[in-house]
Amino acid sequence: MNILVFLIPVSLFLGFLGLGAFMWSLRHAQYDDMEGARHRILSDRNDDHPAR
């Protein structure tokens, strides 16, 4: 039972650390794919139908 006194704060710290890293990546535009959008608009490939 004494181990929970150690494990709960450690797990909360790691959870908040992961949340902080995710929020940082959102603020610094890590998920924007401007280069890919430029190439996809010019592509002849139709993703609605499976490849033949």
N, C-alpha and C. Protein backbone atom coordinates (compact mmCIF):
# COMPACT_ATOMS: atom_id res chain seq x y z
N MET A 1 0.82 -1.19 0.00
CA MET A 1 0.00 0.00 0.00
C MET A 1 0.87 1.26 0.00
N ASN A 2 2.05 1.19 0.60
CA ASN A 2 2.94 2.35 0.62
C ASN A 2 3.48 2.70 -0.77
N ILE A 3 3.50 1.71 -1.66
CA ILE A 3 4.01 1.95 -3.01
C ILE A 3 3.07 2.89 -3.76
N LEU A 4 1.78 2.90 -3.43
CA LEU A 4 0.83 3.79 -4.10
C LEU A 4 1.15 5.26 -3.82
N VAL A 5 1.73 5.54 -2.66
CA VAL A 5 2.12 6.90 -2.33
C VAL A 5 3.19 7.39 -3.31
N PHE A 6 3.98 6.49 -3.82
CA PHE A 6 5.01 6.82 -4.80
C PHE A 6 4.47 6.76 -6.24
N LEU A 7 3.69 5.73 -6.57
CA LEU A 7 3.26 5.50 -7.94
C LEU A 7 2.22 6.50 -8.43
N ILE A 8 1.30 6.91 -7.59
CA ILE A 8 0.27 7.85 -8.03
C ILE A 8 0.85 9.20 -8.42
N PRO A 9 1.71 9.83 -7.63
CA PRO A 9 2.30 11.09 -8.09
C PRO A 9 3.18 10.94 -9.33
N VAL A 10 3.90 9.83 -9.44
CA VAL A 10 4.73 9.60 -10.62
C VAL A 10 3.85 9.46 -11.86
N SER A 11 2.76 8.72 -11.77
CA SER A 11 1.88 8.55 -12.93
C SER A 11 1.19 9.87 -13.29
N LEU A 12 0.80 10.66 -12.32
CA LEU A 12 0.22 11.97 -12.61
C LEU A 12 1.23 12.88 -13.27
N PHE A 13 2.46 12.87 -12.80
CA PHE A 13 3.52 13.68 -13.40
C PHE A 13 3.75 13.27 -14.86
N LEU A 14 3.84 11.98 -15.12
CA LEU A 14 4.06 11.52 -16.49
C LEU A 14 2.88 11.84 -17.39
N GLY A 15 1.67 11.75 -16.85
CA GLY A 15 0.48 12.10 -17.62
C GLY A 15 0.47 13.58 -18.00
N PHE A 16 0.78 14.45 -17.04
CA PHE A 16 0.82 15.88 -17.32
C PHE A 16 2.00 16.23 -18.23
N LEU A 17 3.08 15.50 -18.13
CA LEU A 17 4.21 15.71 -19.02
C LEU A 17 3.82 15.38 -20.46
N GLY A 18 3.12 14.27 -20.65
CA GLY A 18 2.64 13.90 -21.98
C GLY A 18 1.63 14.90 -22.53
N LEU A 19 0.74 15.36 -21.66
CA LEU A 19 -0.24 16.37 -22.08
C LEU A 19 0.46 17.67 -22.46
N GLY A 20 1.46 18.04 -21.70
CA GLY A 20 2.22 19.25 -22.01
C GLY A 20 2.95 19.13 -23.34
N ALA A 21 3.52 17.96 -23.61
CA ALA A 21 4.21 17.75 -24.89
C ALA A 21 3.22 17.81 -26.05
N PHE A 22 2.03 17.27 -25.86
CA PHE A 22 1.00 17.32 -26.89
C PHE A 22 0.55 18.76 -27.14
N MET A 23 0.33 19.51 -26.08
CA MET A 23 -0.10 20.91 -26.22
C MET A 23 1.00 21.74 -26.89
N TRP A 24 2.26 21.47 -26.56
CA TRP A 24 3.37 22.17 -27.20
C TRP A 24 3.37 21.88 -28.70
N SER A 25 3.16 20.62 -29.06
CA SER A 25 3.18 20.27 -30.48
C SER A 25 2.02 20.91 -31.23
N LEU A 26 0.87 21.09 -30.57
CA LEU A 26 -0.24 21.78 -31.23
C LEU A 26 0.08 23.26 -31.45
N ARG A 27 0.67 23.90 -30.45
CA ARG A 27 0.97 25.33 -30.55
C ARG A 27 2.06 25.63 -31.56
N HIS A 28 2.95 24.69 -31.79
CA HIS A 28 4.06 24.91 -32.71
C HIS A 28 3.83 24.29 -34.08
N ALA A 29 2.56 24.06 -34.41
CA ALA A 29 2.13 23.62 -35.74
C ALA A 29 2.84 22.35 -36.21
N GLN A 30 3.00 21.40 -35.33
CA GLN A 30 3.66 20.15 -35.71
C GLN A 30 2.77 19.26 -36.56
N TYR A 31 1.46 19.51 -36.56
CA TYR A 31 0.52 18.66 -37.29
C TYR A 31 0.07 19.29 -38.60
N ASP A 32 0.54 20.47 -38.95
CA ASP A 32 0.20 21.09 -40.22
C ASP A 32 1.03 20.46 -41.33
N ASP A 33 0.36 20.08 -42.40
CA ASP A 33 1.03 19.44 -43.52
C ASP A 33 0.78 20.26 -44.79
N MET A 34 1.39 21.41 -44.86
CA MET A 34 1.17 22.28 -46.00
C MET A 34 1.82 21.71 -47.26
N GLU A 35 2.93 21.06 -47.13
CA GLU A 35 3.61 20.47 -48.29
C GLU A 35 2.79 19.33 -48.88
N GLY A 36 2.23 18.48 -48.03
CA GLY A 36 1.43 17.36 -48.50
C GLY A 36 0.15 17.82 -49.17
N ALA A 37 -0.49 18.87 -48.65
CA ALA A 37 -1.71 19.38 -49.26
C ALA A 37 -1.42 19.92 -50.66
N ARG A 38 -0.28 20.53 -50.83
CA ARG A 38 0.09 21.07 -52.14
C ARG A 38 0.25 19.94 -53.15
N HIS A 39 0.80 18.81 -52.74
CA HIS A 39 1.00 17.69 -53.67
C HIS A 39 -0.29 16.90 -53.89
N ARG A 40 -1.13 16.79 -52.87
CA ARG A 40 -2.37 16.02 -53.02
C ARG A 40 -3.34 16.68 -53.99
N ILE A 41 -3.39 18.00 -54.05
CA ILE A 41 -4.33 18.67 -54.93
C ILE A 41 -3.97 18.46 -56.40
N LEU A 42 -2.70 18.20 -56.68
CA LEU A 42 -2.26 17.98 -58.05
C LEU A 42 -2.24 16.51 -58.45
N SER A 43 -2.51 15.63 -57.52
CA SER A 43 -2.44 14.19 -57.77
C SER A 43 -3.65 13.72 -58.57
N ASP A 44 -3.42 12.79 -59.50
CA ASP A 44 -4.51 12.19 -60.28
C ASP A 44 -5.12 11.00 -59.56
N ARG A 45 -4.49 10.57 -58.51
CA ARG A 45 -4.94 9.37 -57.78
C ARG A 45 -6.26 9.64 -57.07
N ASN A 46 -7.21 8.73 -57.23
CA ASN A 46 -8.52 8.85 -56.59
C ASN A 46 -8.55 7.90 -55.41
N ASP A 47 -8.60 8.43 -54.20
CA ASP A 47 -8.57 7.59 -53.00
C ASP A 47 -9.92 7.00 -52.65
N ASP A 48 -10.99 7.36 -53.38
CA ASP A 48 -12.31 6.83 -53.08
C ASP A 48 -12.45 5.37 -53.53
N HIS A 49 -11.69 4.99 -54.56
CA HIS A 49 -11.78 3.64 -55.11
C HIS A 49 -10.47 2.90 -54.88
N PRO A 50 -10.54 1.61 -54.60
CA PRO A 50 -9.30 0.84 -54.40
C PRO A 50 -8.49 0.76 -55.70
N ALA A 51 -7.21 0.60 -55.55
CA ALA A 51 -6.32 0.50 -56.70
C ALA A 51 -6.62 -0.75 -57.49
N ARG A 52 -6.52 -0.65 -58.81
CA ARG A 52 -6.82 -1.81 -59.67
C ARG A 52 -5.57 -2.42 -60.19
